[in-house]
N, C-alpha and C. Protein backbone atom coordinates (compact mmCIF):
# COMPACT_ATOMS: atom_id res chain seq x y z
N MET A 1 108.04 95.77 80.19
CA MET A 1 109.10 95.23 81.01
C MET A 1 110.28 96.22 81.07
N ALA A 2 111.47 95.73 81.42
CA ALA A 2 112.63 96.61 81.51
C ALA A 2 113.86 95.80 81.15
N GLY A 3 114.99 96.07 81.81
CA GLY A 3 116.21 95.35 81.51
C GLY A 3 116.14 93.91 81.97
N SER A 4 117.24 93.17 81.73
CA SER A 4 117.24 91.73 82.02
C SER A 4 117.16 91.43 83.50
N ASN A 5 117.56 92.39 84.35
CA ASN A 5 117.55 92.15 85.80
C ASN A 5 116.46 92.95 86.52
N GLU A 6 115.55 93.51 85.76
CA GLU A 6 114.48 94.26 86.39
C GLU A 6 113.20 94.16 85.56
N MET A 7 112.09 94.46 86.21
CA MET A 7 110.79 94.40 85.57
C MET A 7 109.98 95.61 86.01
N THR A 8 109.28 96.22 85.06
CA THR A 8 108.38 97.34 85.36
C THR A 8 106.96 96.94 85.02
N ILE A 9 106.04 97.20 85.92
CA ILE A 9 104.63 96.96 85.63
C ILE A 9 103.88 98.29 85.70
N ASN A 10 102.98 98.49 84.74
CA ASN A 10 102.21 99.72 84.62
C ASN A 10 100.77 99.48 85.02
N LEU A 11 100.28 100.27 85.97
CA LEU A 11 98.95 100.11 86.53
C LEU A 11 98.20 101.43 86.50
N VAL A 12 96.87 101.35 86.44
CA VAL A 12 96.03 102.54 86.60
C VAL A 12 94.94 102.19 87.62
N VAL A 13 94.62 103.14 88.49
CA VAL A 13 93.53 102.94 89.45
C VAL A 13 92.32 103.73 88.97
N LEU A 14 91.18 103.02 88.88
CA LEU A 14 89.94 103.62 88.42
C LEU A 14 88.84 103.34 89.43
N GLY A 15 87.84 104.20 89.48
CA GLY A 15 86.74 103.94 90.39
C GLY A 15 86.01 105.20 90.79
N ARG A 16 85.00 105.01 91.60
CA ARG A 16 84.17 106.12 92.04
C ARG A 16 84.90 106.97 93.08
N THR A 17 84.39 108.17 93.28
CA THR A 17 84.93 109.07 94.29
C THR A 17 84.86 108.44 95.68
N GLN A 18 85.94 108.62 96.46
CA GLN A 18 86.03 108.18 97.85
C GLN A 18 86.05 106.66 98.02
N THR A 19 86.49 105.94 96.99
CA THR A 19 86.69 104.50 97.16
C THR A 19 88.08 104.19 97.69
N GLY A 20 88.98 105.18 97.61
CA GLY A 20 90.34 104.98 98.11
C GLY A 20 91.34 104.70 97.01
N LYS A 21 91.11 105.26 95.82
CA LYS A 21 92.04 105.04 94.70
C LYS A 21 93.43 105.58 94.99
N SER A 22 93.49 106.82 95.44
CA SER A 22 94.80 107.45 95.68
C SER A 22 95.54 106.76 96.82
N ALA A 23 94.81 106.38 97.87
CA ALA A 23 95.43 105.66 98.98
C ALA A 23 95.95 104.31 98.51
N ALA A 24 95.17 103.64 97.64
CA ALA A 24 95.62 102.36 97.10
C ALA A 24 96.87 102.53 96.26
N GLY A 25 96.90 103.60 95.46
CA GLY A 25 98.09 103.88 94.65
C GLY A 25 99.31 104.10 95.52
N ASN A 26 99.14 104.84 96.60
CA ASN A 26 100.25 105.06 97.54
C ASN A 26 100.72 103.74 98.15
N SER A 27 99.77 102.87 98.47
CA SER A 27 100.13 101.58 99.06
C SER A 27 100.96 100.75 98.08
N LEU A 28 100.58 100.74 96.82
CA LEU A 28 101.30 99.97 95.81
C LEU A 28 102.70 100.53 95.58
N LEU A 29 102.82 101.85 95.68
CA LEU A 29 104.11 102.49 95.45
C LEU A 29 104.98 102.50 96.71
N GLY A 30 104.35 102.36 97.86
CA GLY A 30 105.10 102.49 99.11
C GLY A 30 105.51 103.92 99.36
N SER A 31 104.64 104.86 98.99
CA SER A 31 104.99 106.28 99.09
C SER A 31 103.74 107.10 99.42
N ASP A 32 103.90 108.41 99.35
CA ASP A 32 102.76 109.31 99.52
C ASP A 32 102.70 110.25 98.31
N ASP A 33 102.85 109.67 97.12
CA ASP A 33 102.85 110.47 95.89
C ASP A 33 101.52 111.16 95.66
N PHE A 34 100.42 110.50 96.03
CA PHE A 34 99.10 111.00 95.70
C PHE A 34 98.40 111.55 96.95
N GLU A 35 97.75 112.69 96.79
CA GLU A 35 97.00 113.26 97.91
C GLU A 35 95.81 112.38 98.24
N SER A 36 95.67 112.04 99.50
CA SER A 36 94.59 111.16 99.93
C SER A 36 94.10 111.60 101.30
N GLN A 37 92.81 111.89 101.41
CA GLN A 37 92.25 112.32 102.69
C GLN A 37 90.75 112.16 102.66
N LEU A 38 90.16 112.10 103.85
CA LEU A 38 88.71 112.06 103.97
C LEU A 38 88.17 113.45 103.65
N SER A 39 87.22 113.52 102.73
CA SER A 39 86.71 114.82 102.32
C SER A 39 85.28 114.69 101.85
N PRO A 40 84.44 115.72 102.06
CA PRO A 40 83.07 115.68 101.57
C PRO A 40 82.97 115.92 100.06
N SER A 41 84.11 116.21 99.42
CA SER A 41 84.13 116.41 97.97
C SER A 41 85.28 115.59 97.37
N SER A 42 85.28 115.47 96.06
CA SER A 42 86.32 114.70 95.39
C SER A 42 87.69 115.35 95.61
N VAL A 43 88.68 114.56 96.01
CA VAL A 43 90.01 115.10 96.31
C VAL A 43 90.87 115.18 95.04
N THR A 44 90.88 114.11 94.25
CA THR A 44 91.72 114.06 93.05
C THR A 44 91.02 114.76 91.90
N THR A 45 91.69 115.76 91.31
CA THR A 45 91.09 116.54 90.23
C THR A 45 91.86 116.42 88.92
N CYS A 46 92.97 115.68 88.93
CA CYS A 46 93.74 115.50 87.70
C CYS A 46 94.46 114.15 87.77
N CYS A 47 94.94 113.68 86.64
CA CYS A 47 95.69 112.42 86.60
C CYS A 47 97.15 112.69 86.92
N SER A 48 97.77 111.77 87.64
CA SER A 48 99.19 111.91 87.94
C SER A 48 99.83 110.53 88.01
N LEU A 49 101.09 110.46 87.61
CA LEU A 49 101.81 109.19 87.56
C LEU A 49 102.83 109.14 88.69
N GLY A 50 102.81 108.02 89.43
CA GLY A 50 103.78 107.81 90.50
C GLY A 50 104.68 106.64 90.18
N HIS A 51 105.93 106.70 90.66
CA HIS A 51 106.90 105.64 90.42
C HIS A 51 107.40 105.11 91.76
N SER A 52 107.52 103.81 91.87
CA SER A 52 108.13 103.23 93.07
C SER A 52 109.63 103.17 92.89
N CYS A 53 110.35 103.00 93.99
CA CYS A 53 111.76 102.64 93.91
C CYS A 53 111.83 101.16 93.50
N HIS A 54 113.03 100.69 93.20
CA HIS A 54 113.16 99.27 92.88
C HIS A 54 112.83 98.44 94.11
N ILE A 55 111.99 97.43 93.92
CA ILE A 55 111.54 96.58 95.02
C ILE A 55 112.15 95.20 94.84
N SER A 56 112.77 94.68 95.87
CA SER A 56 113.40 93.36 95.79
C SER A 56 112.54 92.32 96.50
N GLY A 57 112.79 91.06 96.17
CA GLY A 57 112.14 89.96 96.86
C GLY A 57 110.72 89.67 96.43
N ILE A 58 110.28 90.21 95.28
CA ILE A 58 108.91 90.01 94.83
C ILE A 58 108.83 88.96 93.73
N THR A 59 109.74 89.01 92.78
CA THR A 59 109.63 88.11 91.63
C THR A 59 111.01 87.67 91.14
N ARG A 60 111.01 86.56 90.40
CA ARG A 60 112.25 85.97 89.90
C ARG A 60 112.07 85.59 88.43
N ARG A 61 113.19 85.50 87.72
CA ARG A 61 113.19 85.03 86.35
C ARG A 61 114.41 84.12 86.15
N ASN A 62 114.14 82.90 85.68
CA ASN A 62 115.21 81.92 85.46
C ASN A 62 116.07 81.71 86.70
N GLY A 63 115.40 81.70 87.85
CA GLY A 63 116.10 81.45 89.10
C GLY A 63 116.78 82.66 89.70
N CYS A 64 116.74 83.79 89.01
CA CYS A 64 117.41 85.00 89.50
C CYS A 64 116.37 86.03 89.95
N GLU A 65 116.66 86.68 91.06
CA GLU A 65 115.74 87.69 91.58
C GLU A 65 115.75 88.93 90.68
N LEU A 66 114.55 89.44 90.42
CA LEU A 66 114.41 90.66 89.62
C LEU A 66 114.05 91.83 90.52
N ALA A 67 114.54 92.99 90.17
CA ALA A 67 114.11 94.22 90.84
C ALA A 67 112.82 94.67 90.16
N LEU A 68 111.78 94.86 90.95
CA LEU A 68 110.49 95.26 90.41
C LEU A 68 110.29 96.76 90.59
N ARG A 69 109.81 97.39 89.53
CA ARG A 69 109.44 98.80 89.62
C ARG A 69 107.97 98.93 89.24
N VAL A 70 107.24 99.70 90.02
CA VAL A 70 105.81 99.85 89.81
C VAL A 70 105.51 101.29 89.40
N ARG A 71 104.72 101.44 88.35
CA ARG A 71 104.23 102.75 87.92
C ARG A 71 102.71 102.74 88.05
N VAL A 72 102.18 103.73 88.75
CA VAL A 72 100.73 103.80 89.00
C VAL A 72 100.20 105.14 88.51
N LEU A 73 99.15 105.09 87.69
CA LEU A 73 98.47 106.31 87.25
C LEU A 73 97.24 106.51 88.13
N ASP A 74 97.23 107.59 88.88
CA ASP A 74 96.08 107.95 89.71
C ASP A 74 95.12 108.79 88.88
N THR A 75 93.82 108.60 89.09
CA THR A 75 92.82 109.28 88.26
C THR A 75 91.70 109.87 89.10
N PRO A 76 91.02 110.89 88.59
CA PRO A 76 89.85 111.42 89.30
C PRO A 76 88.74 110.38 89.35
N GLY A 77 87.91 110.45 90.36
CA GLY A 77 86.80 109.53 90.49
C GLY A 77 85.62 109.93 89.62
N PHE A 78 84.69 109.03 89.48
CA PHE A 78 83.46 109.31 88.75
C PHE A 78 82.30 108.64 89.48
N PRO A 79 81.16 109.31 89.69
CA PRO A 79 80.98 110.73 89.35
C PRO A 79 81.84 111.62 90.24
N HIS A 80 82.14 112.81 89.75
CA HIS A 80 83.05 113.73 90.42
C HIS A 80 82.27 114.93 90.93
N SER A 81 82.73 115.49 92.05
CA SER A 81 81.98 116.61 92.65
C SER A 81 82.13 117.91 91.87
N SER A 82 83.15 118.02 91.00
CA SER A 82 83.33 119.27 90.27
C SER A 82 83.63 119.08 88.78
N LEU A 83 83.77 117.82 88.33
CA LEU A 83 84.08 117.54 86.93
C LEU A 83 82.98 116.67 86.33
N SER A 84 82.64 116.93 85.09
CA SER A 84 81.63 116.11 84.41
C SER A 84 82.23 114.74 84.07
N LYS A 85 81.36 113.77 83.86
CA LYS A 85 81.83 112.44 83.47
C LYS A 85 82.63 112.51 82.18
N GLU A 86 82.18 113.32 81.23
CA GLU A 86 82.88 113.45 79.95
C GLU A 86 84.28 114.03 80.15
N ARG A 87 84.41 115.01 81.05
CA ARG A 87 85.72 115.63 81.30
C ARG A 87 86.64 114.62 81.96
N VAL A 88 86.13 113.86 82.95
CA VAL A 88 86.96 112.85 83.60
C VAL A 88 87.41 111.81 82.59
N ARG A 89 86.50 111.35 81.75
CA ARG A 89 86.84 110.33 80.75
C ARG A 89 87.93 110.83 79.82
N GLU A 90 87.82 112.05 79.34
CA GLU A 90 88.83 112.58 78.41
C GLU A 90 90.18 112.78 79.10
N MET A 91 90.16 113.22 80.36
CA MET A 91 91.40 113.39 81.11
C MET A 91 92.12 112.05 81.28
N VAL A 92 91.36 111.02 81.66
CA VAL A 92 91.96 109.71 81.89
C VAL A 92 92.44 109.12 80.57
N ARG A 93 91.64 109.25 79.53
CA ARG A 93 92.02 108.72 78.22
C ARG A 93 93.32 109.37 77.73
N SER A 94 93.42 110.67 77.89
CA SER A 94 94.63 111.39 77.47
C SER A 94 95.84 110.96 78.29
N ALA A 95 95.65 110.79 79.60
CA ALA A 95 96.76 110.39 80.48
C ALA A 95 97.23 108.97 80.16
N LEU A 96 96.30 108.06 79.87
CA LEU A 96 96.68 106.70 79.50
C LEU A 96 97.54 106.71 78.24
N ALA A 97 97.14 107.52 77.26
CA ALA A 97 97.90 107.62 76.02
C ALA A 97 99.27 108.27 76.26
N GLN A 98 99.30 109.26 77.12
CA GLN A 98 100.56 109.97 77.39
C GLN A 98 101.57 109.09 78.10
N HIS A 99 101.14 108.38 79.13
CA HIS A 99 102.08 107.66 79.98
C HIS A 99 102.33 106.22 79.56
N PHE A 100 101.36 105.60 78.88
CA PHE A 100 101.50 104.18 78.56
C PHE A 100 101.50 103.91 77.06
N ARG A 101 101.73 104.94 76.27
CA ARG A 101 101.72 104.77 74.81
C ARG A 101 102.87 103.88 74.35
N GLU A 102 104.02 104.00 75.00
CA GLU A 102 105.20 103.24 74.58
C GLU A 102 105.21 101.83 75.15
N GLU A 103 105.05 101.72 76.48
CA GLU A 103 105.19 100.42 77.14
C GLU A 103 103.88 99.68 77.29
N GLY A 104 102.77 100.40 77.25
CA GLY A 104 101.46 99.77 77.41
C GLY A 104 101.06 99.61 78.88
N LEU A 105 99.79 99.31 79.08
CA LEU A 105 99.23 99.12 80.42
C LEU A 105 99.10 97.63 80.71
N HIS A 106 99.61 97.21 81.87
CA HIS A 106 99.49 95.80 82.26
C HIS A 106 98.15 95.49 82.91
N LEU A 107 97.69 96.42 83.76
CA LEU A 107 96.49 96.11 84.53
C LEU A 107 95.80 97.38 84.99
N ALA A 108 94.48 97.42 84.78
CA ALA A 108 93.64 98.47 85.36
C ALA A 108 93.03 97.92 86.64
N LEU A 109 93.13 98.67 87.70
CA LEU A 109 92.59 98.25 89.00
C LEU A 109 91.31 99.02 89.27
N LEU A 110 90.19 98.31 89.22
CA LEU A 110 88.91 98.91 89.57
C LEU A 110 88.78 98.88 91.08
N VAL A 111 88.81 100.03 91.70
CA VAL A 111 88.83 100.14 93.16
C VAL A 111 87.40 100.24 93.68
N LEU A 112 87.04 99.28 94.53
CA LEU A 112 85.73 99.25 95.18
C LEU A 112 85.94 99.14 96.69
N ARG A 113 85.01 99.65 97.46
CA ARG A 113 85.09 99.53 98.91
C ARG A 113 84.47 98.22 99.36
N ALA A 114 85.23 97.45 100.12
CA ALA A 114 84.72 96.16 100.60
C ALA A 114 83.62 96.34 101.64
N ASP A 115 83.56 97.52 102.25
CA ASP A 115 82.57 97.75 103.32
C ASP A 115 81.29 98.40 102.81
N LEU A 116 81.14 98.53 101.49
CA LEU A 116 79.93 99.10 100.92
C LEU A 116 79.40 98.18 99.83
N PRO A 117 78.08 98.04 99.71
CA PRO A 117 77.53 97.16 98.68
C PRO A 117 77.69 97.76 97.29
N LEU A 118 77.83 96.88 96.29
CA LEU A 118 77.87 97.31 94.90
C LEU A 118 76.48 97.12 94.31
N CYS A 119 75.86 98.24 93.91
CA CYS A 119 74.50 98.19 93.39
C CYS A 119 74.51 98.05 91.87
N PRO A 120 73.45 97.48 91.29
CA PRO A 120 73.43 97.24 89.84
C PRO A 120 73.66 98.49 88.99
N ASP A 121 73.00 99.61 89.33
CA ASP A 121 73.16 100.82 88.53
C ASP A 121 74.59 101.33 88.58
N GLU A 122 75.16 101.32 89.78
CA GLU A 122 76.55 101.76 89.95
C GLU A 122 77.48 100.88 89.13
N ASN A 123 77.26 99.58 89.18
CA ASN A 123 78.10 98.64 88.45
C ASN A 123 78.00 98.86 86.94
N GLU A 124 76.78 99.10 86.48
CA GLU A 124 76.57 99.31 85.04
C GLU A 124 77.32 100.54 84.55
N HIS A 125 77.23 101.63 85.30
CA HIS A 125 77.91 102.87 84.92
C HIS A 125 79.42 102.70 84.97
N THR A 126 79.90 101.97 85.98
CA THR A 126 81.33 101.74 86.12
C THR A 126 81.88 100.92 84.96
N ILE A 127 81.20 99.86 84.61
CA ILE A 127 81.65 99.01 83.50
C ILE A 127 81.62 99.78 82.19
N GLN A 128 80.58 100.59 81.99
CA GLN A 128 80.50 101.40 80.78
C GLN A 128 81.68 102.35 80.69
N PHE A 129 82.04 102.96 81.82
CA PHE A 129 83.16 103.90 81.86
C PHE A 129 84.46 103.18 81.51
N ILE A 130 84.69 102.01 82.07
CA ILE A 130 85.92 101.26 81.81
C ILE A 130 85.97 100.79 80.36
N GLN A 131 84.85 100.34 79.84
CA GLN A 131 84.80 99.92 78.44
C GLN A 131 85.16 101.06 77.50
N GLU A 132 84.67 102.25 77.81
CA GLU A 132 84.98 103.42 76.99
C GLU A 132 86.46 103.75 77.01
N LEU A 133 87.11 103.48 78.14
CA LEU A 133 88.54 103.78 78.27
C LEU A 133 89.43 102.69 77.69
N LEU A 134 89.11 101.44 77.99
CA LEU A 134 90.01 100.33 77.66
C LEU A 134 89.62 99.56 76.42
N GLY A 135 88.37 99.69 75.98
CA GLY A 135 87.96 99.00 74.78
C GLY A 135 87.39 97.62 75.05
N PRO A 136 87.15 96.85 73.98
CA PRO A 136 86.43 95.57 74.09
C PRO A 136 87.15 94.49 74.89
N THR A 137 88.47 94.60 75.04
CA THR A 137 89.22 93.57 75.79
C THR A 137 89.42 93.97 77.25
N TRP A 138 88.58 94.87 77.76
CA TRP A 138 88.78 95.42 79.11
C TRP A 138 88.82 94.34 80.18
N LYS A 139 88.06 93.26 80.00
CA LYS A 139 88.01 92.21 81.02
C LYS A 139 89.36 91.54 81.22
N ASP A 140 90.13 91.43 80.14
CA ASP A 140 91.44 90.78 80.22
C ASP A 140 92.45 91.62 80.98
N PHE A 141 92.21 92.93 81.03
CA PHE A 141 93.20 93.84 81.63
C PHE A 141 92.66 94.55 82.87
N THR A 142 91.62 94.00 83.48
CA THR A 142 91.02 94.62 84.66
C THR A 142 91.00 93.65 85.83
N ALA A 143 91.40 94.15 87.00
CA ALA A 143 91.27 93.41 88.26
C ALA A 143 90.54 94.31 89.25
N VAL A 144 89.86 93.70 90.21
CA VAL A 144 89.13 94.44 91.23
C VAL A 144 89.98 94.53 92.49
N LEU A 145 90.15 95.74 92.99
CA LEU A 145 90.89 95.97 94.23
C LEU A 145 89.89 96.41 95.29
N LEU A 146 89.69 95.57 96.30
CA LEU A 146 88.70 95.83 97.35
C LEU A 146 89.39 96.49 98.54
N THR A 147 89.18 97.78 98.70
CA THR A 147 89.79 98.53 99.79
C THR A 147 88.95 98.42 101.06
N HIS A 148 89.51 98.90 102.17
CA HIS A 148 88.84 98.85 103.48
C HIS A 148 88.49 97.43 103.89
N ALA A 149 89.33 96.48 103.48
CA ALA A 149 89.10 95.08 103.85
C ALA A 149 89.20 94.89 105.36
N ASP A 150 89.92 95.80 106.04
CA ASP A 150 90.05 95.71 107.49
C ASP A 150 88.69 95.91 108.17
N LYS A 151 87.83 96.72 107.57
CA LYS A 151 86.50 96.94 108.15
C LYS A 151 85.64 95.69 108.01
N ALA A 152 85.81 94.96 106.90
CA ALA A 152 85.09 93.70 106.73
C ALA A 152 85.57 92.68 107.77
N LYS A 153 86.88 92.68 108.02
CA LYS A 153 87.44 91.77 109.02
C LYS A 153 86.92 92.11 110.42
N GLU A 154 86.85 93.42 110.71
CA GLU A 154 86.34 93.85 112.02
C GLU A 154 84.89 93.41 112.22
N ALA A 155 84.15 93.29 111.11
CA ALA A 155 82.76 92.86 111.19
C ALA A 155 82.64 91.34 111.25
N GLY A 156 83.78 90.65 111.27
CA GLY A 156 83.78 89.20 111.43
C GLY A 156 83.83 88.40 110.14
N PHE A 157 84.12 89.07 109.01
CA PHE A 157 84.15 88.38 107.73
C PHE A 157 85.58 87.97 107.35
N SER A 158 85.79 86.69 107.12
CA SER A 158 87.00 86.26 106.43
C SER A 158 86.80 86.56 104.95
N GLU A 159 87.86 86.45 104.14
CA GLU A 159 87.69 86.70 102.71
C GLU A 159 86.68 85.74 102.10
N GLU A 160 86.74 84.49 102.50
CA GLU A 160 85.82 83.50 101.96
C GLU A 160 84.38 83.80 102.37
N ALA A 161 84.17 84.12 103.65
CA ALA A 161 82.83 84.44 104.13
C ALA A 161 82.30 85.70 103.46
N TYR A 162 83.18 86.66 103.24
CA TYR A 162 82.79 87.91 102.58
C TYR A 162 82.25 87.63 101.18
N LEU A 163 82.97 86.80 100.42
CA LEU A 163 82.58 86.51 99.05
C LEU A 163 81.28 85.70 98.98
N HIS A 164 80.97 84.98 100.06
CA HIS A 164 79.71 84.25 100.12
C HIS A 164 78.54 85.16 100.49
N SER A 165 78.86 86.38 100.94
CA SER A 165 77.81 87.27 101.44
C SER A 165 77.54 88.47 100.53
N VAL A 166 78.41 88.70 99.55
CA VAL A 166 78.28 89.90 98.73
C VAL A 166 77.12 89.77 97.75
N SER A 167 76.79 90.88 97.13
CA SER A 167 75.67 90.91 96.19
C SER A 167 76.00 90.12 94.92
N SER A 168 74.95 89.68 94.25
CA SER A 168 75.13 88.97 92.98
C SER A 168 75.78 89.89 91.95
N THR A 169 75.59 91.20 92.12
CA THR A 169 76.20 92.17 91.19
C THR A 169 77.72 92.10 91.27
N LEU A 170 78.26 92.09 92.49
CA LEU A 170 79.71 92.00 92.65
C LEU A 170 80.23 90.64 92.20
N LEU A 171 79.52 89.58 92.53
CA LEU A 171 79.94 88.25 92.09
C LEU A 171 80.00 88.16 90.57
N SER A 172 79.03 88.75 89.91
CA SER A 172 79.00 88.75 88.45
C SER A 172 80.18 89.54 87.89
N LEU A 173 80.49 90.67 88.52
CA LEU A 173 81.64 91.46 88.08
C LEU A 173 82.93 90.68 88.24
N LEU A 174 83.13 90.05 89.40
CA LEU A 174 84.34 89.28 89.64
C LEU A 174 84.46 88.13 88.64
N SER A 175 83.34 87.52 88.32
CA SER A 175 83.36 86.44 87.34
C SER A 175 83.75 86.95 85.96
N SER A 176 83.27 88.15 85.60
CA SER A 176 83.55 88.70 84.27
C SER A 176 85.02 89.03 84.08
N VAL A 177 85.73 89.33 85.18
CA VAL A 177 87.17 89.63 85.07
C VAL A 177 88.01 88.43 85.48
N GLN A 178 87.43 87.23 85.33
CA GLN A 178 88.12 85.96 85.61
C GLN A 178 88.62 85.87 87.05
N HIS A 179 87.82 86.40 87.97
CA HIS A 179 88.11 86.34 89.41
C HIS A 179 89.47 86.94 89.77
N LYS A 180 89.84 87.98 89.06
CA LYS A 180 91.05 88.72 89.41
C LYS A 180 90.66 89.79 90.44
N TYR A 181 90.89 89.51 91.70
CA TYR A 181 90.56 90.46 92.75
C TYR A 181 91.60 90.37 93.87
N VAL A 182 91.76 91.49 94.57
CA VAL A 182 92.71 91.57 95.68
C VAL A 182 92.06 92.38 96.80
N PHE A 183 92.22 91.91 98.03
CA PHE A 183 91.76 92.67 99.19
C PHE A 183 92.92 93.54 99.70
N LEU A 184 92.60 94.78 100.05
CA LEU A 184 93.61 95.69 100.59
C LEU A 184 93.19 96.14 101.98
N ASP A 185 93.98 95.78 102.97
CA ASP A 185 93.74 96.17 104.36
C ASP A 185 94.31 97.57 104.55
N ASN A 186 93.45 98.56 104.68
CA ASN A 186 93.91 99.94 104.76
C ASN A 186 94.77 100.21 105.99
N GLN A 187 94.55 99.46 107.07
CA GLN A 187 95.35 99.67 108.27
C GLN A 187 96.77 99.13 108.12
N LYS A 188 96.95 98.14 107.24
CA LYS A 188 98.26 97.52 107.08
C LYS A 188 98.89 97.81 105.72
N SER A 189 98.24 98.67 104.93
CA SER A 189 98.64 98.84 103.54
C SER A 189 100.05 99.40 103.38
N LYS A 190 100.57 100.10 104.40
CA LYS A 190 101.92 100.65 104.29
C LYS A 190 102.98 99.70 104.83
N ILE A 191 102.54 98.56 105.38
CA ILE A 191 103.50 97.58 105.88
C ILE A 191 104.12 96.85 104.69
N LYS A 192 105.43 96.71 104.71
CA LYS A 192 106.16 96.14 103.57
C LYS A 192 105.65 94.76 103.19
N GLU A 193 105.38 93.91 104.19
CA GLU A 193 104.94 92.54 103.91
C GLU A 193 103.56 92.53 103.25
N GLU A 194 102.66 93.39 103.70
CA GLU A 194 101.32 93.47 103.11
C GLU A 194 101.40 93.94 101.66
N ARG A 195 102.25 94.92 101.43
CA ARG A 195 102.44 95.43 100.07
C ARG A 195 102.98 94.35 99.16
N ALA A 196 103.93 93.56 99.66
CA ALA A 196 104.52 92.49 98.86
C ALA A 196 103.47 91.45 98.47
N ILE A 197 102.55 91.14 99.39
CA ILE A 197 101.50 90.16 99.10
C ILE A 197 100.60 90.66 97.98
N VAL A 198 100.19 91.93 98.06
CA VAL A 198 99.31 92.51 97.05
C VAL A 198 100.01 92.55 95.69
N LEU A 199 101.27 93.00 95.66
CA LEU A 199 102.01 93.07 94.40
C LEU A 199 102.21 91.69 93.80
N GLN A 200 102.44 90.69 94.64
CA GLN A 200 102.62 89.33 94.15
C GLN A 200 101.34 88.84 93.47
N LYS A 201 100.20 89.15 94.04
CA LYS A 201 98.93 88.74 93.43
C LYS A 201 98.73 89.45 92.09
N LEU A 202 99.06 90.73 92.03
CA LEU A 202 98.92 91.46 90.76
C LEU A 202 99.86 90.89 89.70
N LEU A 203 101.07 90.53 90.10
CA LEU A 203 102.01 89.92 89.17
C LEU A 203 101.48 88.59 88.65
N ASN A 204 100.82 87.84 89.50
CA ASN A 204 100.24 86.56 89.07
C ASN A 204 99.18 86.80 87.99
N PHE A 205 98.37 87.86 88.16
CA PHE A 205 97.36 88.18 87.15
C PHE A 205 98.04 88.54 85.82
N ILE A 206 99.12 89.30 85.91
CA ILE A 206 99.84 89.71 84.71
C ILE A 206 100.48 88.51 84.02
N ARG A 207 100.99 87.58 84.80
CA ARG A 207 101.57 86.35 84.22
C ARG A 207 100.48 85.53 83.54
N GLN A 208 99.32 85.41 84.20
CA GLN A 208 98.21 84.65 83.63
C GLN A 208 97.78 85.24 82.29
N ASN A 209 97.97 86.53 82.14
CA ASN A 209 97.63 87.22 80.90
C ASN A 209 98.81 87.22 79.93
N LYS A 210 99.83 86.41 80.25
CA LYS A 210 101.02 86.23 79.40
C LYS A 210 101.76 87.54 79.13
N TYR A 211 101.75 88.42 80.14
CA TYR A 211 102.46 89.69 80.10
C TYR A 211 102.00 90.59 78.95
N GLN A 212 100.79 90.35 78.45
CA GLN A 212 100.26 91.22 77.40
C GLN A 212 100.03 92.61 77.97
N VAL A 213 100.07 93.61 77.10
CA VAL A 213 99.80 94.99 77.51
C VAL A 213 98.75 95.59 76.59
N LEU A 214 98.05 96.57 77.12
CA LEU A 214 97.05 97.30 76.36
C LEU A 214 97.70 98.61 75.90
N LEU A 215 97.67 98.85 74.61
CA LEU A 215 98.31 100.03 74.04
C LEU A 215 97.28 101.11 73.76
N PHE A 216 97.71 102.37 73.84
CA PHE A 216 96.83 103.51 73.64
C PHE A 216 97.44 104.45 72.62
N LYS A 217 96.56 105.13 71.91
CA LYS A 217 97.00 106.14 70.94
C LYS A 217 96.60 107.51 71.46
N HIS A 218 97.41 108.50 71.07
CA HIS A 218 97.06 109.87 71.45
C HIS A 218 95.81 110.30 70.70
N ASN A 219 94.93 110.97 71.43
CA ASN A 219 93.73 111.51 70.77
C ASN A 219 94.08 112.75 69.97
N LYS A 220 93.42 112.90 68.87
CA LYS A 220 93.57 114.11 68.07
C LYS A 220 92.36 115.00 68.31
N GLU A 221 92.54 115.98 69.18
CA GLU A 221 91.40 116.83 69.54
C GLU A 221 91.55 118.20 68.90
C-alpha cells in the first residue's frame, strides 16, 4: 500500500511470447513504457518496471477517494525466440525479488490470447513456470488476463458465450485461480474508461485476497 490518501498495487505480467504482455502492461499503466509490436520473434528480452501516474476515481477508503498508483513488471515470454526457459525464469525471479522484495506482489497476471485456444501441453508448461516463480500459493496470487477480446467480440462472442465455448483446459485453469479473470479489448485498451474497468476488477481480486502480498527473497547466485 502507500500513504493514507493513496494506494499502490504491484503487478507482474507473465505468459507466452506474443500474447500481448507488454501491450497489456501499457494499458494498465496508461502509457507506452514497454516496447510492444507485431514481430516474428520475441520482442521483450529483459524485465522492466513501469509506474503509472496517480489515478483518481478508481477506489475509496472510509468514504474518501484514494489516489491509485500502479506498478507493472513486464517480463520476457516463454518459450522465447532467443532465451532459454531457464534464463527467462532466472531473470524474472531476480526481477521479482529486486522490485517487490519490500512491498510484495499483489497479483500476477497470466496473459492469454482470447482468440487462440489453450492446449493442455501449453497449459501444463505455463502452470509449471508460474509455480516455479511464485511457489505453492500461486493460485491465490494469479489472475488470467485475456487479451484480444475485441477479436472474440468481432466473431460474435459475448463474454458469457465465450466462456461456454472455450476448452476444458482453460475452464480448469480459471477454476484453479478462483475464476479471477479479466477481458482486455485491445482496440479500447488505451481509453480511460476501459482502463478504469480493468483496474477496478483487479482491485476486487486484491480485496478478495485481503490485500495479502507475495514476498520474494534475493537469490544468492
